[in-house]
Every structure is written in structure tokens, then in C-alpha cells.
Amino acid sequence: MKVVLLENLKKIGSIGEVIDVKRGFARNFLIANKKALYASKANVSQVENIKSELAKKDNQKKKDAKEISTKINKKNYKIKKLSTENNELYGSVKPTEISKLILEIDKLDIKPSLIQPVQEIKSLGKFKVKISLHSEVDAEISIEVESADSIQ
């Protein structure tokens, strides 16, 4: 299915580009999240007309993402979790928990979908976590998992 993009997307394309994607991806993600429109002649010409406006919006998003990146990049966060004797966690640290932790400490609201742990966090120790704030802006933080003393 052919769609015309309304914003720059990593590994997919840039504003105004007509791309061919699978029907489900187009319908359920790109169009549902207003990241693309069906590639009809009318939509393609409409996007061409408002391309500069879309580019300005994208540049503003990029600027905001860079500000957030400078605040959190290379920062260490500590989280306490219950663990077994051999340093394994009961459960794991999920992106939603990391998102809440960043909101609590730095007052920055980062969607859990943007947070990608390099590896699953299932034991005590330090872990690298990548955050894709924009198609061109990434941040990397460290999560240090410590043992909680008792059940809360």
C-alpha cells in the first residue's frame, strides 16, 4: 500500500516521500498515528503544498528532543527491586517503570514506547538503555538495579 509521509521516520522515510508499506502497518500505525496519509493524487499534492510547514514542526520536535537529550544523556538512574539470592529479579524492569522513574526524578514525560533497553533487565547491576526521542536524536542512560531490602 502506498502512503505519503507527514513526518520524518527512522528507517522508513522523510516528509513528503511516497513509500510502499504493508497494509496493516499503514492502517494500524502510520495513518492511525497521523504519521502518513493514503497516497492519492490529492493527498500527495496537499503534502507538497504544506511540506515546509511540516518541516518546521519536525524541526521543532527535533529541537525539543535535543533539549531532553542534553538533560538525560549519559545519566545514571537507580531503581530498587526485589531479588533472589543469586541476584536475579522477581520479574524485570520494563520501559514503563523507566519512564515513571525519569518523570519522578527529572520531571520529563517520555513515552515507554521510545525506551529500548539494550538487553532485558532481569538481574541486579548496571544496564544501558537507549531512548529514541526523534528520528535523528537518541539518548543513552544507565539503569542501576539494586536489591530492595524488604517487600513494600
C-alpha atoms as a PDB file:
ATOM      1  CA  MET A   1       0.000   0.000   0.000  1.00  0.00           C
ATOM      2  CA  LYS A   2       1.374   3.397  -0.946  1.00  0.00           C
ATOM      3  CA  VAL A   3       1.352   6.202   1.642  1.00  0.00           C
ATOM      4  CA  VAL A   4       2.800   9.711   1.778  1.00  0.00           C
ATOM      5  CA  LEU A   5       4.692  10.533   4.984  1.00  0.00           C
ATOM      6  CA  LEU A   6       3.789  13.535   7.138  1.00  0.00           C
ATOM      7  CA  GLU A   7       6.949  13.361   9.299  1.00  0.00           C
ATOM      8  CA  ASN A   8      10.492  12.008   9.259  1.00  0.00           C
ATOM      9  CA  LEU A   9      10.597   8.416  10.488  1.00  0.00           C
ATOM     10  CA  LYS A  10      13.768   6.495  11.272  1.00  0.00           C
ATOM     11  CA  LYS A  11      14.447   3.657   8.791  1.00  0.00           C
ATOM     12  CA  ILE A  12      11.223   4.459   6.893  1.00  0.00           C
ATOM     13  CA  GLY A  13      11.496   7.800   5.100  1.00  0.00           C
ATOM     14  CA  SER A  14      11.231  11.576   5.227  1.00  0.00           C
ATOM     15  CA  ILE A  15       8.439  14.150   4.920  1.00  0.00           C
ATOM     16  CA  GLY A  16       6.550  14.084   1.624  1.00  0.00           C
ATOM     17  CA  GLU A  17       8.079  10.805   0.494  1.00  0.00           C
ATOM     18  CA  VAL A  18       5.718   8.266  -1.083  1.00  0.00           C
ATOM     19  CA  ILE A  19       6.592   4.814   0.218  1.00  0.00           C
ATOM     20  CA  ASP A  20       5.187   1.323  -0.188  1.00  0.00           C
ATOM     21  CA  VAL A  21       4.431  -0.420   3.120  1.00  0.00           C
ATOM     22  CA  LYS A  22       2.340  -3.359   4.254  1.00  0.00           C
ATOM     23  CA  ARG A  23      -1.369  -2.648   4.535  1.00  0.00           C
ATOM     24  CA  GLY A  24      -1.574  -3.379   8.291  1.00  0.00           C
ATOM     25  CA  PHE A  25       1.426  -1.168   9.128  1.00  0.00           C
ATOM     26  CA  ALA A  26      -0.076   1.678   7.106  1.00  0.00           C
ATOM     27  CA  ARG A  27      -3.563   1.372   8.554  1.00  0.00           C
ATOM     28  CA  ASN A  28      -2.764   0.471  12.178  1.00  0.00           C
ATOM     29  CA  PHE A  29       0.321   2.614  12.790  1.00  0.00           C
ATOM     30  CA  LEU A  30       1.167   5.260  10.197  1.00  0.00           C
ATOM     31  CA  ILE A  31      -2.334   6.529   9.416  1.00  0.00           C
ATOM     32  CA  ALA A  32      -3.753   5.888  12.910  1.00  0.00           C
ATOM     33  CA  ASN A  33      -0.964   7.995  14.477  1.00  0.00           C
ATOM     34  CA  LYS A  34      -1.233  10.703  11.786  1.00  0.00           C
ATOM     35  CA  LYS A  35       2.269   9.985  10.514  1.00  0.00           C
ATOM     36  CA  ALA A  36       1.071   9.354   6.938  1.00  0.00           C
ATOM     37  CA  LEU A  37      -1.845   9.666   4.510  1.00  0.00           C
ATOM     38  CA  TYR A  38      -3.026   7.359   1.728  1.00  0.00           C
ATOM     39  CA  ALA A  39      -1.038   8.245  -1.400  1.00  0.00           C
ATOM     40  CA  SER A  40      -3.875   9.569  -3.548  1.00  0.00           C
ATOM     41  CA  LYS A  41      -3.093  12.350  -6.055  1.00  0.00           C
ATOM     42  CA  ALA A  42      -4.948  14.870  -3.875  1.00  0.00           C
ATOM     43  CA  ASN A  43      -3.067  13.864  -0.702  1.00  0.00           C
ATOM     44  CA  VAL A  44       0.341  13.911  -2.434  1.00  0.00           C
ATOM     45  CA  SER A  45      -0.261  17.423  -3.796  1.00  0.00           C
ATOM     46  CA  GLN A  46      -1.615  18.576  -0.413  1.00  0.00           C
ATOM     47  CA  VAL A  47       1.521  17.309   1.362  1.00  0.00           C
ATOM     48  CA  GLU A  48       3.730  19.010  -1.246  1.00  0.00           C
ATOM     49  CA  ASN A  49       1.937  22.298  -0.502  1.00  0.00           C
ATOM     50  CA  ILE A  50       2.354  22.042   3.282  1.00  0.00           C
ATOM     51  CA  LYS A  51       5.797  20.409   3.219  1.00  0.00           C
ATOM     52  CA  SER A  52       7.599  23.498   4.587  1.00  0.00           C
ATOM     53  CA  GLU A  53       5.103  23.757   7.457  1.00  0.00           C
ATOM     54  CA  LEU A  54       5.606  20.074   8.271  1.00  0.00           C
ATOM     55  CA  ALA A  55       9.380  20.566   8.127  1.00  0.00           C
ATOM     56  CA  LYS A  56       9.097  23.434  10.649  1.00  0.00           C
ATOM     57  CA  LYS A  57       7.063  21.222  13.002  1.00  0.00           C
ATOM     58  CA  ASP A  58       9.619  18.435  12.594  1.00  0.00           C
ATOM     59  CA  ASN A  59      12.482  20.842  13.337  1.00  0.00           C
ATOM     60  CA  GLN A  60      10.666  21.998  16.491  1.00  0.00           C
ATOM     61  CA  LYS A  61      10.200  18.357  17.592  1.00  0.00           C
ATOM     62  CA  LYS A  62      13.892  17.753  16.879  1.00  0.00           C
ATOM     63  CA  LYS A  63      14.863  20.824  18.933  1.00  0.00           C
ATOM     64  CA  ASP A  64      12.686  19.660  21.858  1.00  0.00           C
ATOM     65  CA  ALA A  65      14.179  16.170  21.587  1.00  0.00           C
ATOM     66  CA  LYS A  66      17.723  17.622  21.697  1.00  0.00           C
ATOM     67  CA  GLU A  67      16.852  19.585  24.857  1.00  0.00           C
ATOM     68  CA  ILE A  68      15.556  16.443  26.538  1.00  0.00           C
ATOM     69  CA  SER A  69      18.596  14.524  25.307  1.00  0.00           C
ATOM     70  CA  THR A  70      21.024  17.030  26.858  1.00  0.00           C
ATOM     71  CA  LYS A  71      19.181  16.733  30.193  1.00  0.00           C
ATOM     72  CA  ILE A  72      19.209  12.928  30.408  1.00  0.00           C
ATOM     73  CA  ASN A  73      22.022  11.664  28.149  1.00  0.00           C
ATOM     74  CA  LYS A  74      24.680   9.611  29.994  1.00  0.00           C
ATOM     75  CA  LYS A  75      22.721   9.996  33.243  1.00  0.00           C
ATOM     76  CA  ASN A  76      22.542   7.226  35.849  1.00  0.00           C
ATOM     77  CA  TYR A  77      19.264   6.189  37.438  1.00  0.00           C
ATOM     78  CA  LYS A  78      18.918   3.828  40.397  1.00  0.00           C
ATOM     79  CA  ILE A  79      15.980   1.525  40.940  1.00  0.00           C
ATOM     80  CA  LYS A  80      15.388  -0.885  43.807  1.00  0.00           C
ATOM     81  CA  LYS A  81      13.805  -4.255  43.042  1.00  0.00           C
ATOM     82  CA  LEU A  82      13.275  -7.468  44.982  1.00  0.00           C
ATOM     83  CA  SER A  83      15.814 -10.128  44.058  1.00  0.00           C
ATOM     84  CA  THR A  84      16.744 -13.732  44.792  1.00  0.00           C
ATOM     85  CA  GLU A  85      19.970 -14.874  46.489  1.00  0.00           C
ATOM     86  CA  ASN A  86      21.691 -15.292  43.099  1.00  0.00           C
ATOM     87  CA  ASN A  87      20.960 -11.658  42.100  1.00  0.00           C
ATOM     88  CA  GLU A  88      18.062 -12.386  39.741  1.00  0.00           C
ATOM     89  CA  LEU A  89      14.989 -10.169  39.886  1.00  0.00           C
ATOM     90  CA  TYR A  90      11.431 -11.242  40.533  1.00  0.00           C
ATOM     91  CA  GLY A  91      10.147 -10.064  37.159  1.00  0.00           C
ATOM     92  CA  SER A  92      12.085  -7.466  35.166  1.00  0.00           C
ATOM     93  CA  VAL A  93      12.465  -3.713  34.757  1.00  0.00           C
ATOM     94  CA  LYS A  94      10.122  -2.619  31.968  1.00  0.00           C
ATOM     95  CA  PRO A  95      10.151   0.586  29.871  1.00  0.00           C
ATOM     96  CA  THR A  96       7.043   1.826  31.749  1.00  0.00           C
ATOM     97  CA  GLU A  97       8.982   1.689  35.034  1.00  0.00           C
ATOM     98  CA  ILE A  98      11.931   3.515  33.468  1.00  0.00           C
ATOM     99  CA  SER A  99       9.528   6.150  32.095  1.00  0.00           C
ATOM    100  CA  LYS A 100       7.996   6.690  35.560  1.00  0.00           C
ATOM    101  CA  LEU A 101      11.482   6.901  37.102  1.00  0.00           C
ATOM    102  CA  ILE A 102      12.560   9.642  34.644  1.00  0.00           C
ATOM    103  CA  LEU A 103       9.289  11.523  35.241  1.00  0.00           C
ATOM    104  CA  GLU A 104       9.798  11.282  39.020  1.00  0.00           C
ATOM    105  CA  ILE A 105      13.439  12.424  39.027  1.00  0.00           C
ATOM    106  CA  ASP A 106      13.738  14.825  36.063  1.00  0.00           C
ATOM    107  CA  LYS A 107      10.069  15.797  35.507  1.00  0.00           C
ATOM    108  CA  LEU A 108      10.343  14.711  31.843  1.00  0.00           C
ATOM    109  CA  ASP A 109       7.478  12.745  30.304  1.00  0.00           C
ATOM    110  CA  ILE A 110       8.966  10.151  27.965  1.00  0.00           C
ATOM    111  CA  LYS A 111       6.678   7.583  26.370  1.00  0.00           C
ATOM    112  CA  PRO A 112       7.589   3.972  27.233  1.00  0.00           C
ATOM    113  CA  SER A 113       7.467   3.099  23.511  1.00  0.00           C
ATOM    114  CA  LEU A 114      10.550   5.307  22.952  1.00  0.00           C
ATOM    115  CA  ILE A 115      12.586   3.412  25.562  1.00  0.00           C
ATOM    116  CA  GLN A 116      14.609   0.433  24.308  1.00  0.00           C
ATOM    117  CA  PRO A 117      16.753  -1.464  26.817  1.00  0.00           C
ATOM    118  CA  VAL A 118      19.875  -2.849  25.099  1.00  0.00           C
ATOM    119  CA  GLN A 119      19.199  -6.142  26.878  1.00  0.00           C
ATOM    120  CA  GLU A 120      16.412  -7.329  29.155  1.00  0.00           C
ATOM    121  CA  ILE A 121      16.864  -6.139  32.723  1.00  0.00           C
ATOM    122  CA  LYS A 122      16.328  -9.294  34.773  1.00  0.00           C
ATOM    123  CA  SER A 123      19.144  -9.134  37.333  1.00  0.00           C
ATOM    124  CA  LEU A 124      20.980  -6.721  39.610  1.00  0.00           C
ATOM    125  CA  GLY A 125      23.646  -4.499  38.060  1.00  0.00           C
ATOM    126  CA  LYS A 126      24.110  -1.686  35.547  1.00  0.00           C
ATOM    127  CA  PHE A 127      22.308  -1.681  32.217  1.00  0.00           C
ATOM    128  CA  LYS A 128      22.420   0.624  29.197  1.00  0.00           C
ATOM    129  CA  VAL A 129      19.083   1.892  27.903  1.00  0.00           C
ATOM    130  CA  LYS A 130      18.614   3.675  24.574  1.00  0.00           C
ATOM    131  CA  ILE A 131      15.884   6.296  24.190  1.00  0.00           C
ATOM    132  CA  SER A 132      14.804   7.331  20.663  1.00  0.00           C
ATOM    133  CA  LEU A 133      13.477  10.847  21.179  1.00  0.00           C
ATOM    134  CA  HIS A 134      13.312  11.730  17.451  1.00  0.00           C
ATOM    135  CA  SER A 135      14.273  10.044  14.184  1.00  0.00           C
ATOM    136  CA  GLU A 136      17.660  11.837  14.416  1.00  0.00           C
ATOM    137  CA  VAL A 137      18.057  12.264  18.202  1.00  0.00           C
ATOM    138  CA  ASP A 138      18.867   9.459  20.626  1.00  0.00           C
ATOM    139  CA  ALA A 139      19.878   9.482  24.271  1.00  0.00           C
ATOM    140  CA  GLU A 140      21.523   6.766  26.323  1.00  0.00           C
ATOM    141  CA  ILE A 141      21.065   6.341  30.053  1.00  0.00           C
ATOM    142  CA  SER A 142      22.251   3.819  32.612  1.00  0.00           C
ATOM    143  CA  ILE A 143      19.892   1.991  34.926  1.00  0.00           C
ATOM    144  CA  GLU A 144      21.460   0.610  38.086  1.00  0.00           C
ATOM    145  CA  VAL A 145      19.326  -2.082  39.661  1.00  0.00           C
ATOM    146  CA  GLU A 146      19.862  -2.536  43.386  1.00  0.00           C
ATOM    147  CA  SER A 147      18.351  -5.045  45.766  1.00  0.00           C
ATOM    148  CA  ALA A 148      15.407  -3.834  47.841  1.00  0.00           C
ATOM    149  CA  ASP A 149      15.637  -4.801  51.494  1.00  0.00           C
ATOM    150  CA  SER A 150      12.050  -5.850  52.029  1.00  0.00           C
ATOM    151  CA  ILE A 151       8.754  -6.293  50.275  1.00  0.00           C
ATOM    152  CA  GLN A 152       6.910  -2.988  50.016  1.00  0.00           C
END
